[in-house]
Every structure is written in structure tokens, then in C-alpha cells.
Amino acid sequence: MNNPAVLQLRLPRSIKGHVERLAAREGISMNQFIATAVAEKLSALETAEFFEERARRADLDLFDRVMSRESGEPPRKGDELPEGYVRPIKKG
């Protein structure tokens, strides 16, 4: 870790106990366990933001035209839309 920041963290005893047990089981320090957990959460949030932004830029009308063109193929087994599916309305 390059030039780490120091953070005083208060955890409920039950969570601290879980962290201690899991970190020991993984053979890592509590600090490393918590740093990894925070990094995983950041990654999940940033991934969600990425896909939300991509969805906002989607051209669903173009998608529908491409997917319904005559030269297209029907969906493969398992790729069909669920029965009664209604396309979501694009926001913004």
C-alpha cells in the first residue's frame, strides 16, 4: 500500500467478531479484510453506475428495429423475452 491513510473505525462487536473470524480463516489481517471489502463495494457501486449510464444512452427504438428486421433469426432457446414482458419506458 502506498502512503496509506489512517482511519479510525467503529464497528459493532458482532461485526468485528465476524471480521476477525473470516480474516483469520482467510489468513489475512483484519485491515486487509476490511480494505478488500471496501474495494469490492466501491467496484459494485461503480459497475452499477456504469450500466445505468449506458442504459440512459440506449436507443431502444433502434434496438427494436434491429431485433425485428426480417433478415434476423429468432432467439435461441433460453434467450426469449419472458411471457408478458413490457419494455421499460426510457427516463430523461
Protein backbone atom coordinates (compact mmCIF):
# COMPACT_ATOMS: atom_id res chain seq x y z
CA MET A 1 0.00 0.00 0.00
CA ASN A 2 1.47 3.34 -0.99
CA ASN A 3 1.13 6.07 1.61
CA PRO A 4 -1.92 4.59 3.36
CA ALA A 5 -4.46 6.80 5.09
CA VAL A 6 -5.26 6.06 8.70
CA LEU A 7 -8.92 5.64 9.55
CA GLN A 8 -10.36 5.07 12.98
CA LEU A 9 -13.33 2.77 12.52
CA ARG A 10 -16.07 1.88 14.99
CA LEU A 11 -17.81 -1.43 14.37
CA PRO A 12 -20.49 -3.20 16.36
CA ARG A 13 -18.85 -6.01 18.35
CA SER A 14 -20.78 -8.66 16.41
CA ILE A 15 -19.46 -7.39 13.05
CA LYS A 16 -15.93 -7.09 14.43
CA GLY A 17 -16.17 -10.70 15.61
CA HIS A 18 -17.25 -11.85 12.15
CA VAL A 19 -14.41 -9.88 10.54
CA GLU A 20 -11.88 -11.39 12.95
CA ARG A 21 -13.06 -14.94 12.24
CA LEU A 22 -13.24 -14.54 8.46
CA ALA A 23 -9.90 -12.74 8.23
CA ALA A 24 -8.26 -15.49 10.30
CA ARG A 25 -9.87 -18.16 8.13
CA GLU A 26 -8.53 -16.40 5.00
CA GLY A 27 -5.10 -15.95 6.60
CA ILE A 28 -5.14 -12.16 6.26
CA SER A 29 -5.23 -9.24 8.67
CA MET A 30 -8.46 -7.54 9.69
CA ASN A 31 -7.14 -4.42 7.99
CA GLN A 32 -6.64 -6.26 4.70
CA PHE A 33 -10.07 -7.89 5.01
CA ILE A 34 -11.80 -4.53 5.57
CA ALA A 35 -9.80 -2.80 2.80
CA THR A 36 -10.76 -5.58 0.38
CA ALA A 37 -14.42 -5.42 1.42
CA VAL A 38 -14.50 -1.65 0.86
CA ALA A 39 -12.79 -2.05 -2.54
CA GLU A 40 -15.35 -4.70 -3.56
CA LYS A 41 -18.24 -2.42 -2.53
CA LEU A 42 -16.76 0.51 -4.48
CA SER A 43 -16.38 -1.70 -7.53
CA ALA A 44 -20.00 -2.87 -7.29
CA LEU A 45 -21.31 0.69 -6.98
CA GLU A 46 -19.19 1.94 -9.88
CA THR A 47 -20.31 -1.00 -12.03
CA ALA A 48 -23.95 -0.20 -11.31
CA GLU A 49 -23.34 3.47 -12.23
CA PHE A 50 -21.62 2.40 -15.46
CA PHE A 51 -24.59 0.29 -16.56
CA GLU A 52 -27.12 2.94 -15.50
CA GLU A 53 -25.27 5.48 -17.68
CA ARG A 54 -25.15 3.04 -20.59
CA ALA A 55 -28.88 2.40 -20.21
CA ARG A 56 -29.61 6.14 -20.30
CA ARG A 57 -27.79 6.39 -23.64
CA ALA A 58 -29.56 3.39 -25.17
CA ASP A 59 -31.63 3.90 -28.31
CA LEU A 60 -34.41 1.42 -27.65
CA ASP A 61 -36.25 2.26 -30.87
CA LEU A 62 -33.13 1.39 -32.90
CA PHE A 63 -32.74 -1.77 -30.84
CA ASP A 64 -36.32 -2.79 -31.62
CA ARG A 65 -35.79 -2.13 -35.36
CA VAL A 66 -32.61 -4.20 -35.44
CA MET A 67 -34.11 -7.05 -33.43
CA SER A 68 -37.26 -7.24 -35.58
CA ARG A 69 -35.63 -6.99 -39.02
CA GLU A 70 -36.67 -9.69 -41.46
CA SER A 71 -33.13 -10.93 -42.01
CA GLY A 72 -32.77 -11.64 -38.31
CA GLU A 73 -33.02 -15.00 -36.62
CA PRO A 74 -35.40 -15.96 -33.85
CA PRO A 75 -33.93 -16.03 -30.34
CA ARG A 76 -32.07 -19.17 -29.35
CA LYS A 77 -33.66 -21.38 -26.73
CA GLY A 78 -33.40 -19.60 -23.39
CA ASP A 79 -32.90 -16.12 -24.92
CA GLU A 80 -36.59 -15.37 -25.42
CA LEU A 81 -38.21 -12.49 -23.56
CA PRO A 82 -40.41 -13.60 -20.68
CA GLU A 83 -44.12 -14.00 -21.41
CA GLY A 84 -45.88 -10.66 -20.91
CA TYR A 85 -42.63 -8.65 -20.97
CA VAL A 86 -43.15 -4.93 -21.41
CA ARG A 87 -40.19 -2.77 -22.43
CA PRO A 88 -39.39 -0.20 -19.70
CA ILE A 89 -40.01 3.44 -20.52
CA LYS A 90 -36.78 5.36 -21.03
CA LYS A 91 -36.28 8.06 -18.39
CA GLY A 92 -34.87 11.50 -19.10
